[in-house]
Amino acid sequence: MVRTKKRYTAEFKEQAVRLAREGDKPAAQVAKELGVPEKTLYTWVQRTKKQEEAGERLSFSEQEELRQLRKENERLRMERDILKKATAFFAKENS
């Protein structure tokens, strides 16, 4: 049996953390109601606390956007490098 990791949206994570921290229910109950493993919710809460203590103000959605932009940036660099090599190759061939 193959187990796949469930992915949650940044907005979902933000709302879950807000409910766990500011709500009147215990975090364990919030996790159960949202269908999220307790450990996962606690991890999100701890990450948020660490970021606040470190002065980082990126929300989960901003973190996700940053991750995607870095991935795209890496892909674009790779494409640029390939085009540079191709240009150099064809320039030598035409000389």
Protein backbone atom coordinates (compact mmCIF):
# COMPACT_ATOMS: atom_id res chain seq x y z
CA MET A 1 0.00 0.00 0.00
CA VAL A 2 1.53 3.27 -1.15
CA ARG A 3 0.99 6.25 1.09
CA THR A 4 0.95 9.68 -0.49
CA LYS A 5 1.62 12.87 1.42
CA LYS A 6 -1.42 15.11 1.56
CA ARG A 7 -0.75 18.70 0.49
CA TYR A 8 -2.52 21.59 2.14
CA THR A 9 -2.91 25.07 0.70
CA ALA A 10 -1.17 28.00 2.35
CA GLU A 11 -4.53 29.56 3.17
CA PHE A 12 -5.69 26.37 4.87
CA LYS A 13 -2.52 26.27 6.98
CA GLU A 14 -2.91 29.91 7.99
CA GLN A 15 -6.53 29.39 9.04
CA ALA A 16 -5.68 26.22 10.94
CA VAL A 17 -2.88 27.96 12.85
CA ARG A 18 -5.14 30.90 13.62
CA LEU A 19 -7.85 28.57 14.95
CA ALA A 20 -5.35 26.64 17.06
CA ARG A 21 -3.79 29.77 18.55
CA GLU A 22 -6.74 32.10 18.91
CA GLY A 23 -9.73 29.78 19.15
CA ASP A 24 -11.37 28.56 22.31
CA LYS A 25 -10.82 24.89 21.42
CA PRO A 26 -7.67 22.88 22.14
CA ALA A 27 -5.33 22.42 19.18
CA ALA A 28 -5.91 18.66 19.23
CA GLN A 29 -9.64 19.19 18.72
CA VAL A 30 -9.05 21.74 15.97
CA ALA A 31 -6.78 19.25 14.19
CA LYS A 32 -9.39 16.50 14.47
CA GLU A 33 -12.18 18.74 13.16
CA LEU A 34 -10.05 19.86 10.21
CA GLY A 35 -8.94 16.32 9.42
CA VAL A 36 -5.28 17.16 9.97
CA PRO A 37 -2.89 15.02 12.03
CA GLU A 38 -2.18 16.69 15.39
CA LYS A 39 1.56 16.55 14.79
CA THR A 40 1.15 18.39 11.50
CA LEU A 41 -0.87 21.18 13.09
CA TYR A 42 1.64 21.50 15.94
CA THR A 43 4.45 21.72 13.37
CA TRP A 44 2.67 24.57 11.58
CA VAL A 45 2.09 26.41 14.86
CA GLN A 46 5.73 26.00 15.92
CA ARG A 47 6.99 27.18 12.53
CA THR A 48 4.78 30.25 12.76
CA LYS A 49 6.05 31.03 16.28
CA LYS A 50 9.69 30.68 15.20
CA GLN A 51 9.14 32.98 12.25
CA GLU A 52 7.49 35.59 14.45
CA GLU A 53 10.34 35.39 16.96
CA ALA A 54 12.92 35.73 14.19
CA GLY A 55 11.10 38.76 12.83
CA GLU A 56 10.06 37.01 9.64
CA ARG A 57 6.65 38.17 8.55
CA LEU A 58 5.99 35.80 5.65
CA SER A 59 2.67 34.05 5.72
CA PHE A 60 2.25 30.49 4.46
CA SER A 61 0.94 31.84 1.14
CA GLU A 62 3.93 34.16 0.80
CA GLN A 63 6.27 31.28 1.60
CA GLU A 64 4.58 29.17 -1.06
CA GLU A 65 4.88 31.98 -3.60
CA LEU A 66 8.55 32.45 -2.72
CA ARG A 67 9.18 28.71 -3.14
CA GLN A 68 7.50 28.74 -6.56
CA LEU A 69 9.42 31.84 -7.67
CA ARG A 70 12.73 30.29 -6.64
CA LYS A 71 11.88 27.14 -8.55
CA GLU A 72 10.95 29.15 -11.64
CA ASN A 73 14.10 31.25 -11.28
CA GLU A 74 16.25 28.10 -11.24
CA ARG A 75 14.48 26.77 -14.34
CA LEU A 76 15.02 30.08 -16.18
CA ARG A 77 18.72 30.10 -15.26
CA MET A 78 19.07 26.58 -16.63
CA GLU A 79 17.33 27.56 -19.87
CA ARG A 80 19.57 30.63 -20.19
CA ASP A 81 22.70 28.53 -19.72
CA ILE A 82 21.54 26.05 -22.36
CA LEU A 83 20.90 28.90 -24.81
CA LYS A 84 24.35 30.39 -24.12
CA LYS A 85 26.00 27.04 -24.87
CA ALA A 86 23.93 26.59 -28.03
CA THR A 87 24.83 30.09 -29.22
CA ALA A 88 28.53 29.45 -28.63
CA PHE A 89 28.30 26.10 -30.44
CA PHE A 90 26.62 27.56 -33.52
CA ALA A 91 28.96 30.57 -33.54
CA LYS A 92 31.98 28.22 -33.70
CA GLU A 93 30.34 26.09 -36.37
CA ASN A 94 29.68 29.11 -38.62
CA SER A 95 33.23 30.45 -38.34
